[in-house]
């Protein structure tokens, strides 16, 4: 998968392996987004382009070192929360994010990935 993928659910799991740099964005038609990227040196989670900036005092960008060439990435998204597990939990990243009418997943590289729609957690705002 690569390019823009229309999301049928705001709750999903995404799994893939790669050794190449990539960017992954959750976004809407207005261009507001949450960015997750991997370079030769690090992983970056950037929520500075969200529809609504939340808890800015805790930072808008999170970084983690890249320690091996081959990476296993597993993401869980449930409406306004993202959990990212890198190499079976060697590193993890968690964030709240707010993108109004999020409907797209954009990938910069052609990755072989598994995308599973999930049922949202009940009791949370729709």
PDB file of N, CA and C in Angstrom:
ATOM      1  N   UNK A   1       0.831  -1.170   0.000  1.00  0.00           N
ATOM      2  CA  UNK A   1       0.000   0.000   0.000  1.00  0.00           C
ATOM      3  C   UNK A   1       0.880   1.240   0.000  1.00  0.00           C
ATOM      4  N   UNK A   2       0.420   2.239  -0.712  1.00  0.00           N
ATOM      5  CA  UNK A   2       1.112   3.528  -0.726  1.00  0.00           C
ATOM      6  C   UNK A   2       0.129   4.588  -1.189  1.00  0.00           C
ATOM      7  N   UNK A   3       0.508   5.844  -1.023  1.00  0.00           N
ATOM      8  CA  UNK A   3      -0.366   6.936  -1.407  1.00  0.00           C
ATOM      9  C   UNK A   3      -1.463   7.148  -0.389  1.00  0.00           C
ATOM     10  N   UNK A   4      -2.552   7.792  -0.818  1.00  0.00           N
ATOM     11  CA  UNK A   4      -3.679   8.076   0.069  1.00  0.00           C
ATOM     12  C   UNK A   4      -4.661   6.916   0.062  1.00  0.00           C
ATOM     13  N   UNK A   5      -4.999   6.449   1.241  1.00  0.00           N
ATOM     14  CA  UNK A   5      -5.949   5.353   1.413  1.00  0.00           C
ATOM     15  C   UNK A   5      -7.135   5.896   2.190  1.00  0.00           C
ATOM     16  N   UNK A   6      -8.327   5.738   1.645  1.00  0.00           N
ATOM     17  CA  UNK A   6      -9.526   6.204   2.338  1.00  0.00           C
ATOM     18  C   UNK A   6      -9.827   5.272   3.502  1.00  0.00           C
ATOM     19  N   UNK A   7     -10.003   5.859   4.678  1.00  0.00           N
ATOM     20  CA  UNK A   7     -10.318   5.074   5.870  1.00  0.00           C
ATOM     21  C   UNK A   7     -11.817   4.850   5.968  1.00  0.00           C
ATOM     22  N   UNK A   8     -12.206   3.633   6.254  1.00  0.00           N
ATOM     23  CA  UNK A   8     -13.620   3.315   6.463  1.00  0.00           C
ATOM     24  C   UNK A   8     -13.970   3.354   7.941  1.00  0.00           C
ATOM     25  N   UNK A   9     -12.952   3.442   8.785  1.00  0.00           N
ATOM     26  CA  UNK A   9     -13.152   3.496  10.232  1.00  0.00           C
ATOM     27  C   UNK A   9     -12.060   4.358  10.841  1.00  0.00           C
ATOM     28  N   UNK A  10     -12.392   5.072  11.911  1.00  0.00           N
ATOM     29  CA  UNK A  10     -11.384   5.850  12.637  1.00  0.00           C
ATOM     30  C   UNK A  10     -10.715   5.003  13.705  1.00  0.00           C
ATOM     31  N   UNK A  11     -11.066   3.733  13.778  1.00  0.00           N
ATOM     32  CA  UNK A  11     -10.455   2.791  14.720  1.00  0.00           C
ATOM     33  C   UNK A  11      -9.883   1.636  13.911  1.00  0.00           C
ATOM     34  N   UNK A  12      -8.562   1.462  13.976  1.00  0.00           N
ATOM     35  CA  UNK A  12      -7.938   0.406  13.176  1.00  0.00           C
ATOM     36  C   UNK A  12      -6.578   0.024  13.750  1.00  0.00           C
ATOM     37  N   UNK A  13      -6.069  -1.097  13.252  1.00  0.00           N
ATOM     38  CA  UNK A  13      -4.718  -1.560  13.557  1.00  0.00           C
ATOM     39  C   UNK A  13      -3.976  -1.661  12.230  1.00  0.00           C
ATOM     40  N   UNK A  14      -2.716  -1.264  12.224  1.00  0.00           N
ATOM     41  CA  UNK A  14      -1.882  -1.333  11.028  1.00  0.00           C
ATOM     42  C   UNK A  14      -0.550  -1.969  11.415  1.00  0.00           C
ATOM     43  N   UNK A  15      -0.128  -2.990  10.643  1.00  0.00           N
ATOM     44  CA  UNK A  15       1.136  -3.684  10.909  1.00  0.00           C
ATOM     45  C   UNK A  15       1.962  -3.742   9.630  1.00  0.00           C
ATOM     46  N   UNK A  16       3.266  -3.500   9.764  1.00  0.00           N
ATOM     47  CA  UNK A  16       4.159  -3.666   8.620  1.00  0.00           C
ATOM     48  C   UNK A  16       5.604  -3.779   9.091  1.00  0.00           C
ATOM     49  N   UNK A  17       6.453  -4.274   8.187  1.00  0.00           N
ATOM     50  CA  UNK A  17       7.895  -4.349   8.419  1.00  0.00           C
ATOM     51  C   UNK A  17       8.581  -3.583   7.302  1.00  0.00           C
ATOM     52  N   UNK A  18       9.670  -2.901   7.650  1.00  0.00           N
ATOM     53  CA  UNK A  18      10.407  -2.144   6.641  1.00  0.00           C
ATOM     54  C   UNK A  18      11.828  -1.873   7.123  1.00  0.00           C
ATOM     55  N   UNK A  19      12.705  -1.654   6.181  1.00  0.00           N
ATOM     56  CA  UNK A  19      14.054  -1.186   6.502  1.00  0.00           C
ATOM     57  C   UNK A  19      14.289   0.185   5.859  1.00  0.00           C
ATOM     58  N   UNK A  20      13.296   0.684   5.129  1.00  0.00           N
ATOM     59  CA  UNK A  20      13.408   1.961   4.421  1.00  0.00           C
ATOM     60  C   UNK A  20      12.717   3.083   5.187  1.00  0.00           C
ATOM     61  N   UNK A  21      13.234   4.301   5.030  1.00  0.00           N
ATOM     62  CA  UNK A  21      12.588   5.475   5.609  1.00  0.00           C
ATOM     63  C   UNK A  21      11.168   5.589   5.061  1.00  0.00           C
ATOM     64  N   UNK A  22      10.267   6.141   5.856  1.00  0.00           N
ATOM     65  CA  UNK A  22       8.883   6.325   5.407  1.00  0.00           C
ATOM     66  C   UNK A  22       8.233   7.447   6.199  1.00  0.00           C
ATOM     67  N   UNK A  23       7.120   7.936   5.674  1.00  0.00           N
ATOM     68  CA  UNK A  23       6.217   8.798   6.436  1.00  0.00           C
ATOM     69  C   UNK A  23       4.820   8.222   6.317  1.00  0.00           C
ATOM     70  N   UNK A  24       4.084   8.354   7.391  1.00  0.00           N
ATOM     71  CA  UNK A  24       2.703   7.899   7.465  1.00  0.00           C
ATOM     72  C   UNK A  24       1.918   9.054   8.069  1.00  0.00           C
ATOM     73  N   UNK A  25       0.812   9.424   7.430  1.00  0.00           N
ATOM     74  CA  UNK A  25      -0.010  10.520   7.940  1.00  0.00           C
ATOM     75  C   UNK A  25      -1.454  10.078   8.075  1.00  0.00           C
ATOM     76  N   UNK A  26      -2.062  10.460   9.181  1.00  0.00           N
ATOM     77  CA  UNK A  26      -3.510  10.391   9.338  1.00  0.00           C
ATOM     78  C   UNK A  26      -3.988  11.808   9.083  1.00  0.00           C
ATOM     79  N   UNK A  27      -4.940  11.982   8.151  1.00  0.00           N
ATOM     80  CA  UNK A  27      -5.285  13.352   7.774  1.00  0.00           C
ATOM     81  C   UNK A  27      -6.735  13.486   7.336  1.00  0.00           C
ATOM     82  N   UNK A  28      -7.128  14.736   7.106  1.00  0.00           N
ATOM     83  CA  UNK A  28      -8.466  15.042   6.604  1.00  0.00           C
ATOM     84  C   UNK A  28      -8.351  15.814   5.293  1.00  0.00           C
ATOM     85  N   UNK A  29      -9.499  16.164   4.723  1.00  0.00           N
ATOM     86  CA  UNK A  29      -9.529  16.887   3.441  1.00  0.00           C
ATOM     87  C   UNK A  29      -8.881  18.266   3.541  1.00  0.00           C
ATOM     88  N   UNK A  30      -8.889  18.875   4.739  1.00  0.00           N
ATOM     89  CA  UNK A  30      -8.324  20.213   4.931  1.00  0.00           C
ATOM     90  C   UNK A  30      -6.803  20.190   5.070  1.00  0.00           C
ATOM     91  N   UNK A  31      -6.193  18.997   5.116  1.00  0.00           N
ATOM     92  CA  UNK A  31      -4.744  18.891   5.234  1.00  0.00           C
ATOM     93  C   UNK A  31      -4.233  18.833   6.659  1.00  0.00           C
ATOM     94  N   UNK A  32      -5.137  18.844   7.636  1.00  0.00           N
ATOM     95  CA  UNK A  32      -4.719  18.687   9.033  1.00  0.00           C
ATOM     96  C   UNK A  32      -4.298  17.239   9.227  1.00  0.00           C
ATOM     97  N   UNK A  33      -3.239  17.019  10.034  1.00  0.00           N
ATOM     98  CA  UNK A  33      -2.687  15.668  10.063  1.00  0.00           C
ATOM     99  C   UNK A  33      -1.932  15.349  11.348  1.00  0.00           C
ATOM    100  N   UNK A  34      -1.698  14.057  11.505  1.00  0.00           N
ATOM    101  CA  UNK A  34      -0.782  13.502  12.500  1.00  0.00           C
ATOM    102  C   UNK A  34       0.266  12.750  11.697  1.00  0.00           C
ATOM    103  N   UNK A  35       1.540  13.042  11.934  1.00  0.00           N
ATOM    104  CA  UNK A  35       2.628  12.464  11.153  1.00  0.00           C
ATOM    105  C   UNK A  35       3.436  11.491  12.003  1.00  0.00           C
ATOM    106  N   UNK A  36       3.709  10.315  11.445  1.00  0.00           N
ATOM    107  CA  UNK A  36       4.652   9.366  12.029  1.00  0.00           C
ATOM    108  C   UNK A  36       5.674   9.061  10.946  1.00  0.00           C
ATOM    109  N   UNK A  37       6.960   9.204  11.265  1.00  0.00           N
ATOM    110  CA  UNK A  37       8.003   9.033  10.254  1.00  0.00           C
ATOM    111  C   UNK A  37       9.197   8.286  10.821  1.00  0.00           C
ATOM    112  N   UNK A  38       9.930   7.625   9.909  1.00  0.00           N
ATOM    113  CA  UNK A  38      11.171   6.959  10.271  1.00  0.00           C
ATOM    114  C   UNK A  38      12.264   7.436   9.324  1.00  0.00           C
ATOM    115  N   UNK A  39      13.397   7.857   9.895  1.00  0.00           N
ATOM    116  CA  UNK A  39      14.586   8.209   9.122  1.00  0.00           C
ATOM    117  C   UNK A  39      15.697   7.227   9.496  1.00  0.00           C
ATOM    118  N   UNK A  40      16.877   7.443   8.967  1.00  0.00           N
ATOM    119  CA  UNK A  40      18.008   6.565   9.307  1.00  0.00           C
ATOM    120  C   UNK A  40      18.339   6.602  10.792  1.00  0.00           C
ATOM    121  N   UNK A  41      18.058   7.731  11.464  1.00  0.00           N
ATOM    122  CA  UNK A  41      18.439   7.892  12.861  1.00  0.00           C
ATOM    123  C   UNK A  41      17.304   7.730  13.869  1.00  0.00           C
ATOM    124  N   UNK A  42      16.062   8.065  13.483  1.00  0.00           N
ATOM    125  CA  UNK A  42      15.018   8.154  14.505  1.00  0.00           C
ATOM    126  C   UNK A  42      13.610   7.953  13.960  1.00  0.00           C
ATOM    127  N   UNK A  43      12.700   7.825  14.927  1.00  0.00           N
ATOM    128  CA  UNK A  43      11.264   7.831  14.677  1.00  0.00           C
ATOM    129  C   UNK A  43      10.737   9.165  15.179  1.00  0.00           C
ATOM    130  N   UNK A  44       9.741   9.705  14.483  1.00  0.00           N
ATOM    131  CA  UNK A  44       9.156  10.979  14.894  1.00  0.00           C
ATOM    132  C   UNK A  44       7.637  10.874  14.837  1.00  0.00           C
ATOM    133  N   UNK A  45       6.991  11.330  15.903  1.00  0.00           N
ATOM    134  CA  UNK A  45       5.537  11.459  15.955  1.00  0.00           C
ATOM    135  C   UNK A  45       5.247  12.938  16.154  1.00  0.00           C
ATOM    136  N   UNK A  46       4.552  13.554  15.186  1.00  0.00           N
ATOM    137  CA  UNK A  46       4.338  15.004  15.174  1.00  0.00           C
ATOM    138  C   UNK A  46       2.846  15.305  15.090  1.00  0.00           C
ATOM    139  N   UNK A  47       2.327  15.955  16.128  1.00  0.00           N
ATOM    140  CA  UNK A  47       0.909  16.318  16.149  1.00  0.00           C
ATOM    141  C   UNK A  47       0.703  17.833  16.062  1.00  0.00           C
ATOM    142  N   UNK A  48       1.689  18.548  15.530  1.00  0.00           N
ATOM    143  CA  UNK A  48       1.614  20.010  15.465  1.00  0.00           C
ATOM    144  C   UNK A  48       0.645  20.520  14.402  1.00  0.00           C
ATOM    145  N   UNK A  49       0.166  19.650  13.504  1.00  0.00           N
ATOM    146  CA  UNK A  49      -0.756  20.070  12.449  1.00  0.00           C
ATOM    147  C   UNK A  49      -2.164  19.505  12.673  1.00  0.00           C
ATOM    148  N   UNK A  50      -2.554  19.334  13.940  1.00  0.00           N
ATOM    149  CA  UNK A  50      -3.889  18.829  14.289  1.00  0.00           C
ATOM    150  C   UNK A  50      -4.941  19.927  14.166  1.00  0.00           C
ATOM    151  N   UNK A  51      -6.201  19.533  14.060  1.00  0.00           N
ATOM    152  CA  UNK A  51      -7.313  20.482  14.026  1.00  0.00           C
ATOM    153  C   UNK A  51      -7.387  21.267  15.327  1.00  0.00           C
ATOM    154  N   UNK A  52      -7.127  20.580  16.425  1.00  0.00           N
ATOM    155  CA  UNK A  52      -7.158  21.187  17.757  1.00  0.00           C
ATOM    156  C   UNK A  52      -5.899  20.733  18.490  1.00  0.00           C
ATOM    157  N   UNK A  53      -5.083  21.684  18.946  1.00  0.00           N
ATOM    158  CA  UNK A  53      -3.857  21.351  19.676  1.00  0.00           C
ATOM    159  C   UNK A  53      -4.220  21.154  21.142  1.00  0.00           C
ATOM    160  N   UNK A  54      -3.853  20.008  21.672  1.00  0.00           N
ATOM    161  CA  UNK A  54      -4.193  19.606  23.032  1.00  0.00           C
ATOM    162  C   UNK A  54      -2.908  19.381  23.824  1.00  0.00           C
ATOM    163  N   UNK A  55      -2.872  19.837  25.076  1.00  0.00           N
ATOM    164  CA  UNK A  55      -1.747  19.601  25.993  1.00  0.00           C
ATOM    165  C   UNK A  55      -0.408  19.977  25.354  1.00  0.00           C
ATOM    166  N   UNK A  56      -0.360  21.177  24.819  1.00  0.00           N
ATOM    167  CA  UNK A  56       0.850  21.655  24.147  1.00  0.00           C
ATOM    168  C   UNK A  56       2.055  21.673  25.088  1.00  0.00           C
ATOM    169  N   UNK A  57       1.813  21.870  26.380  1.00  0.00           N
ATOM    170  CA  UNK A  57       2.922  21.931  27.344  1.00  0.00           C
ATOM    171  C   UNK A  57       3.694  20.610  27.430  1.00  0.00           C
ATOM    172  N   UNK A  58       3.090  19.505  26.963  1.00  0.00           N
ATOM    173  CA  UNK A  58       3.774  18.212  26.972  1.00  0.00           C
ATOM    174  C   UNK A  58       4.538  17.954  25.674  1.00  0.00           C
ATOM    175  N   UNK A  59       4.484  18.901  24.774  1.00  0.00           N
ATOM    176  CA  UNK A  59       5.219  18.780  23.518  1.00  0.00           C
ATOM    177  C   UNK A  59       4.347  18.295  22.377  1.00  0.00           C
ATOM    178  N   UNK A  60       4.670  18.747  21.188  1.00  0.00           N
ATOM    179  CA  UNK A  60       3.927  18.373  19.989  1.00  0.00           C
ATOM    180  C   UNK A  60       4.658  17.326  19.159  1.00  0.00           C
ATOM    181  N   UNK A  61       5.952  17.172  19.404  1.00  0.00           N
ATOM    182  CA  UNK A  61       6.767  16.218  18.646  1.00  0.00           C
ATOM    183  C   UNK A  61       7.451  15.275  19.633  1.00  0.00           C
ATOM    184  N   UNK A  62       7.372  13.985  19.323  1.00  0.00           N
ATOM    185  CA  UNK A  62       8.064  12.971  20.133  1.00  0.00           C
ATOM    186  C   UNK A  62       9.060  12.248  19.236  1.00  0.00           C
ATOM    187  N   UNK A  63      10.226  11.936  19.807  1.00  0.00           N
ATOM    188  CA  UNK A  63      11.287  11.264  19.060  1.00  0.00           C
ATOM    189  C   UNK A  63      11.734  10.007  19.795  1.00  0.00           C
ATOM    190  N   UNK A  64      12.157   9.006  19.027  1.00  0.00           N
ATOM    191  CA  UNK A  64      12.735   7.780  19.585  1.00  0.00           C
ATOM    192  C   UNK A  64      13.866   7.355  18.666  1.00  0.00           C
ATOM    193  N   UNK A  65      14.959   6.820  19.217  1.00  0.00           N
ATOM    194  CA  UNK A  65      16.087   6.426  18.374  1.00  0.00           C
ATOM    195  C   UNK A  65      15.779   5.179  17.555  1.00  0.00           C
ATOM    196  N   UNK A  66      16.344   5.136  16.377  1.00  0.00           N
ATOM    197  CA  UNK A  66      16.270   3.936  15.535  1.00  0.00           C
ATOM    198  C   UNK A  66      17.525   3.123  15.811  1.00  0.00           C
ATOM    199  N   UNK A  67      17.363   1.911  16.304  1.00  0.00           N
ATOM    200  CA  UNK A  67      18.519   1.129  16.753  1.00  0.00           C
ATOM    201  C   UNK A  67      18.889  -0.019  15.823  1.00  0.00           C
ATOM    202  N   UNK A  68      18.001  -0.389  14.901  1.00  0.00           N
ATOM    203  CA  UNK A  68      18.291  -1.466  13.948  1.00  0.00           C
ATOM    204  C   UNK A  68      17.802  -1.056  12.565  1.00  0.00           C
ATOM    205  N   UNK A  69      18.292  -1.734  11.532  1.00  0.00           N
ATOM    206  CA  UNK A  69      17.867  -1.410  10.162  1.00  0.00           C
ATOM    207  C   UNK A  69      16.440  -1.882   9.900  1.00  0.00           C
ATOM    208  N   UNK A  70      16.158  -3.160  10.159  1.00  0.00           N
ATOM    209  CA  UNK A  70      14.826  -3.724   9.907  1.00  0.00           C
ATOM    210  C   UNK A  70      13.893  -3.372  11.071  1.00  0.00           C
ATOM    211  N   UNK A  71      12.695  -2.903  10.754  1.00  0.00           N
ATOM    212  CA  UNK A  71      11.743  -2.468  11.775  1.00  0.00           C
ATOM    213  C   UNK A  71      10.417  -3.197  11.624  1.00  0.00           C
ATOM    214  N   UNK A  72       9.832  -3.546  12.748  1.00  0.00           N
ATOM    215  CA  UNK A  72       8.468  -4.055  12.790  1.00  0.00           C
ATOM    216  C   UNK A  72       7.632  -2.979  13.474  1.00  0.00           C
ATOM    217  N   UNK A  73       6.617  -2.481  12.781  1.00  0.00           N
ATOM    218  CA  UNK A  73       5.790  -1.389  13.283  1.00  0.00           C
ATOM    219  C   UNK A  73       4.363  -1.892  13.456  1.00  0.00           C
ATOM    220  N   UNK A  74       3.772  -1.565  14.598  1.00  0.00           N
ATOM    221  CA  UNK A  74       2.374  -1.918  14.861  1.00  0.00           C
ATOM    222  C   UNK A  74       1.691  -0.697  15.466  1.00  0.00           C
ATOM    223  N   UNK A  75       0.651  -0.206  14.792  1.00  0.00           N
ATOM    224  CA  UNK A  75      -0.089   0.970  15.246  1.00  0.00           C
ATOM    225  C   UNK A  75      -1.515   0.581  15.598  1.00  0.00           C
ATOM    226  N   UNK A  76      -2.007   1.169  16.671  1.00  0.00           N
ATOM    227  CA  UNK A  76      -3.416   1.072  17.032  1.00  0.00           C
ATOM    228  C   UNK A  76      -3.959   2.488  17.078  1.00  0.00           C
ATOM    229  N   UNK A  77      -5.055   2.726  16.378  1.00  0.00           N
ATOM    230  CA  UNK A  77      -5.703   4.035  16.375  1.00  0.00           C
ATOM    231  C   UNK A  77      -7.145   3.836  16.794  1.00  0.00           C
ATOM    232  N   UNK A  78      -7.598   4.637  17.763  1.00  0.00           N
ATOM    233  CA  UNK A  78      -8.997   4.613  18.182  1.00  0.00           C
ATOM    234  C   UNK A  78      -9.487   6.050  18.318  1.00  0.00           C
ATOM    235  N   UNK A  79     -10.000   6.587  17.246  1.00  0.00           N
ATOM    236  CA  UNK A  79     -10.561   7.934  17.138  1.00  0.00           C
ATOM    237  C   UNK A  79      -9.575   9.047  17.452  1.00  0.00           C
ATOM    238  N   UNK A  80      -9.169   9.227  18.704  1.00  0.00           N
ATOM    239  CA  UNK A  80      -8.272  10.331  19.057  1.00  0.00           C
ATOM    240  C   UNK A  80      -7.037   9.867  19.832  1.00  0.00           C
ATOM    241  N   UNK A  81      -6.742   8.582  19.777  1.00  0.00           N
ATOM    242  CA  UNK A  81      -5.565   8.036  20.461  1.00  0.00           C
ATOM    243  C   UNK A  81      -4.783   7.177  19.476  1.00  0.00           C
ATOM    244  N   UNK A  82      -3.461   7.322  19.505  1.00  0.00           N
ATOM    245  CA  UNK A  82      -2.602   6.451  18.711  1.00  0.00           C
ATOM    246  C   UNK A  82      -1.585   5.797  19.639  1.00  0.00           C
ATOM    247  N   UNK A  83      -1.396   4.505  19.461  1.00  0.00           N
ATOM    248  CA  UNK A  83      -0.375   3.727  20.176  1.00  0.00           C
ATOM    249  C   UNK A  83       0.512   3.114  19.102  1.00  0.00           C
ATOM    250  N   UNK A  84       1.808   3.332  19.206  1.00  0.00           N
ATOM    251  CA  UNK A  84       2.752   2.803  18.226  1.00  0.00           C
ATOM    252  C   UNK A  84       3.762   1.929  18.957  1.00  0.00           C
ATOM    253  N   UNK A  85       3.901   0.701  18.485  1.00  0.00           N
ATOM    254  CA  UNK A  85       4.873  -0.226  19.054  1.00  0.00           C
ATOM    255  C   UNK A  85       5.915  -0.527  17.984  1.00  0.00           C
ATOM    256  N   UNK A  86       7.166  -0.275  18.320  1.00  0.00           N
ATOM    257  CA  UNK A  86       8.279  -0.459  17.399  1.00  0.00           C
ATOM    258  C   UNK A  86       9.087  -1.666  17.868  1.00  0.00           C
ATOM    259  N   UNK A  87       9.280  -2.626  16.961  1.00  0.00           N
ATOM    260  CA  UNK A  87      10.047  -3.841  17.266  1.00  0.00           C
ATOM    261  C   UNK A  87       9.544  -4.533  18.531  1.00  0.00           C
ATOM    262  N   UNK A  88       8.247  -4.851  18.513  1.00  0.00           N
ATOM    263  CA  UNK A  88       7.613  -5.595  19.605  1.00  0.00           C
ATOM    264  C   UNK A  88       7.770  -4.912  20.958  1.00  0.00           C
ATOM    265  N   UNK A  89       7.717  -3.588  20.967  1.00  0.00           N
ATOM    266  CA  UNK A  89       7.752  -2.840  22.218  1.00  0.00           C
ATOM    267  C   UNK A  89       9.123  -2.343  22.630  1.00  0.00           C
ATOM    268  N   UNK A  90      10.149  -2.531  21.799  1.00  0.00           N
ATOM    269  CA  UNK A  90      11.469  -1.968  22.114  1.00  0.00           C
ATOM    270  C   UNK A  90      11.335  -0.468  22.367  1.00  0.00           C
ATOM    271  N   UNK A  91      10.519   0.180  21.544  1.00  0.00           N
ATOM    272  CA  UNK A  91      10.132   1.578  21.748  1.00  0.00           C
ATOM    273  C   UNK A  91       8.626   1.642  21.558  1.00  0.00           C
ATOM    274  N   UNK A  92       8.001   2.574  22.260  1.00  0.00           N
ATOM    275  CA  UNK A  92       6.573   2.803  22.042  1.00  0.00           C
ATOM    276  C   UNK A  92       6.304   4.301  22.101  1.00  0.00           C
ATOM    277  N   UNK A  93       5.262   4.713  21.407  1.00  0.00           N
ATOM    278  CA  UNK A  93       4.848   6.112  21.384  1.00  0.00           C
ATOM    279  C   UNK A  93       3.335   6.136  21.532  1.00  0.00           C
ATOM    280  N   UNK A  94       2.853   7.060  22.342  1.00  0.00           N
ATOM    281  CA  UNK A  94       1.423   7.203  22.586  1.00  0.00           C
ATOM    282  C   UNK A  94       1.073   8.680  22.507  1.00  0.00           C
ATOM    283  N   UNK A  95      -0.069   8.983  21.928  1.00  0.00           N
ATOM    284  CA  UNK A  95      -0.488  10.379  21.880  1.00  0.00           C
ATOM    285  C   UNK A  95      -1.994  10.476  21.689  1.00  0.00           C
ATOM    286  N   UNK A  96      -2.549  11.551  22.229  1.00  0.00           N
ATOM    287  CA  UNK A  96      -3.901  11.973  21.873  1.00  0.00           C
ATOM    288  C   UNK A  96      -3.745  12.891  20.674  1.00  0.00           C
ATOM    289  N   UNK A  97      -4.717  12.866  19.783  1.00  0.00           N
ATOM    290  CA  UNK A  97      -4.686  13.772  18.637  1.00  0.00           C
ATOM    291  C   UNK A  97      -6.118  14.099  18.251  1.00  0.00           C
ATOM    292  N   UNK A  98      -6.285  15.247  17.632  1.00  0.00           N
ATOM    293  CA  UNK A  98      -7.623  15.700  17.250  1.00  0.00           C
ATOM    294  C   UNK A  98      -7.592  16.217  15.816  1.00  0.00           C
ATOM    295  N   UNK A  99      -8.100  15.385  14.913  1.00  0.00           N
ATOM    296  CA  UNK A  99      -8.206  15.745  13.502  1.00  0.00           C
ATOM    297  C   UNK A  99      -9.678  15.624  13.126  1.00  0.00           C
ATOM    298  N   UNK A 100     -10.295  16.758  12.915  1.00  0.00           N
ATOM    299  CA  UNK A 100     -11.716  16.776  12.583  1.00  0.00           C
ATOM    300  C   UNK A 100     -11.950  16.072  11.250  1.00  0.00           C
ATOM    301  N   UNK A 101     -12.903  15.154  11.224  1.00  0.00           N
ATOM    302  CA  UNK A 101     -13.283  14.421  10.009  1.00  0.00           C
ATOM    303  C   UNK A 101     -12.102  13.686   9.363  1.00  0.00           C
ATOM    304  N   UNK A 102     -11.254  13.071  10.192  1.00  0.00           N
ATOM    305  CA  UNK A 102     -10.128  12.294   9.672  1.00  0.00           C
ATOM    306  C   UNK A 102     -10.666  11.178   8.782  1.00  0.00           C
ATOM    307  N   UNK A 103     -10.148  11.106   7.541  1.00  0.00           N
ATOM    308  CA  UNK A 103     -10.665  10.093   6.622  1.00  0.00           C
ATOM    309  C   UNK A 103      -9.603   9.488   5.705  1.00  0.00           C
ATOM    310  N   UNK A 104      -8.330   9.825   5.924  1.00  0.00           N
ATOM    311  CA  UNK A 104      -7.286   9.317   5.032  1.00  0.00           C
ATOM    312  C   UNK A 104      -6.054   8.858   5.806  1.00  0.00           C
ATOM    313  N   UNK A 105      -5.438   7.839   5.261  1.00  0.00           N
ATOM    314  CA  UNK A 105      -4.135   7.355   5.706  1.00  0.00           C
ATOM    315  C   UNK A 105      -3.216   7.513   4.506  1.00  0.00           C
ATOM    316  N   UNK A 106      -2.121   8.252   4.656  1.00  0.00           N
ATOM    317  CA  UNK A 106      -1.193   8.479   3.547  1.00  0.00           C
ATOM    318  C   UNK A 106       0.149   7.847   3.876  1.00  0.00           C
ATOM    319  N   UNK A 107       0.668   7.050   2.947  1.00  0.00           N
ATOM    320  CA  UNK A 107       1.969   6.401   3.101  1.00  0.00           C
ATOM    321  C   UNK A 107       2.894   6.868   1.988  1.00  0.00           C
ATOM    322  N   UNK A 108       4.129   7.219   2.350  1.00  0.00           N
ATOM    323  CA  UNK A 108       5.078   7.729   1.359  1.00  0.00           C
ATOM    324  C   UNK A 108       5.726   6.621   0.542  1.00  0.00           C
ATOM    325  N   UNK A 109       5.784   5.424   1.073  1.00  0.00           N
ATOM    326  CA  UNK A 109       6.445   4.298   0.399  1.00  0.00           C
ATOM    327  C   UNK A 109       5.435   3.198   0.134  1.00  0.00           C
ATOM    328  N   UNK A 110       5.749   2.358  -0.815  1.00  0.00           N
ATOM    329  CA  UNK A 110       4.924   1.185  -1.053  1.00  0.00           C
ATOM    330  C   UNK A 110       5.307   0.132  -0.017  1.00  0.00           C
ATOM    331  N   UNK A 111       4.476  -0.006   1.009  1.00  0.00           N
ATOM    332  CA  UNK A 111       4.725  -0.946   2.093  1.00  0.00           C
ATOM    333  C   UNK A 111       3.740  -2.096   2.009  1.00  0.00           C
ATOM    334  N   UNK A 112       4.213  -3.285   2.294  1.00  0.00           N
ATOM    335  CA  UNK A 112       3.303  -4.410   2.457  1.00  0.00           C
ATOM    336  C   UNK A 112       2.806  -4.336   3.887  1.00  0.00           C
ATOM    337  N   UNK A 113       1.534  -4.057   4.044  1.00  0.00           N
ATOM    338  CA  UNK A 113       0.982  -3.815   5.379  1.00  0.00           C
ATOM    339  C   UNK A 113      -0.352  -4.523   5.530  1.00  0.00           C
ATOM    340  N   UNK A 114      -0.690  -4.800   6.770  1.00  0.00           N
ATOM    341  CA  UNK A 114      -1.997  -5.350   7.112  1.00  0.00           C
ATOM    342  C   UNK A 114      -2.778  -4.266   7.829  1.00  0.00           C
ATOM    343  N   UNK A 115      -3.981  -3.977   7.343  1.00  0.00           N
ATOM    344  CA  UNK A 115      -4.848  -2.958   7.925  1.00  0.00           C
ATOM    345  C   UNK A 115      -6.118  -3.639   8.397  1.00  0.00           C
ATOM    346  N   UNK A 116      -6.373  -3.550   9.696  1.00  0.00           N
ATOM    347  CA  UNK A 116      -7.550  -4.183  10.291  1.00  0.00           C
ATOM    348  C   UNK A 116      -8.468  -3.115  10.863  1.00  0.00           C
ATOM    349  N   UNK A 117      -9.707  -2.999  10.378  1.00  0.00           N
ATOM    350  CA  UNK A 117     -10.650  -2.096  11.030  1.00  0.00           C
ATOM    351  C   UNK A 117     -11.013  -2.668  12.401  1.00  0.00           C
ATOM    352  N   UNK A 118     -11.176  -1.801  13.389  1.00  0.00           N
ATOM    353  CA  UNK A 118     -11.533  -2.212  14.741  1.00  0.00           C
ATOM    354  C   UNK A 118     -12.836  -1.551  15.146  1.00  0.00           C
ATOM    355  N   UNK A 119     -13.527  -2.143  16.091  1.00  0.00           N
ATOM    356  CA  UNK A 119     -14.702  -1.507  16.671  1.00  0.00           C
ATOM    357  C   UNK A 119     -14.233  -0.491  17.698  1.00  0.00           C
ATOM    358  N   UNK A 120     -14.779   0.733  17.674  1.00  0.00           N
ATOM    359  CA  UNK A 120     -14.368   1.739  18.650  1.00  0.00           C
ATOM    360  C   UNK A 120     -14.698   1.281  20.068  1.00  0.00           C
ATOM    361  N   UNK A 121     -13.939   1.790  21.032  1.00  0.00           N
ATOM    362  CA  UNK A 121     -14.211   1.488  22.433  1.00  0.00           C
ATOM    363  C   UNK A 121     -15.517   2.159  22.813  1.00  0.00           C
ATOM    364  N   UNK A 122     -16.450   1.399  23.350  1.00  0.00           N
ATOM    365  CA  UNK A 122     -17.751   1.967  23.708  1.00  0.00           C
ATOM    366  C   UNK A 122     -17.609   2.870  24.924  1.00  0.00           C
ATOM    367  N   UNK A 123     -18.492   3.853  25.001  1.00  0.00           N
ATOM    368  CA  UNK A 123     -18.488   4.776  26.120  1.00  0.00           C
ATOM    369  C   UNK A 123     -17.705   6.044  25.847  1.00  0.00           C
ATOM    370  N   UNK A 124     -16.908   6.061  24.786  1.00  0.00           N
ATOM    371  CA  UNK A 124     -16.183   7.268  24.417  1.00  0.00           C
ATOM    372  C   UNK A 124     -17.034   8.073  23.453  1.00  0.00           C
ATOM    373  N   UNK A 125     -16.753   9.359  23.384  1.00  0.00           N
ATOM    374  CA  UNK A 125     -17.526  10.220  22.485  1.00  0.00           C
ATOM    375  C   UNK A 125     -17.416   9.737  21.053  1.00  0.00           C
ATOM    376  N   UNK A 126     -18.486   9.843  20.323  1.00  0.00           N
ATOM    377  CA  UNK A 126     -18.524   9.421  18.921  1.00  0.00           C
ATOM    378  C   UNK A 126     -18.028  10.504  18.043  1.00  0.00           C
TER     379      UNK A 126
END
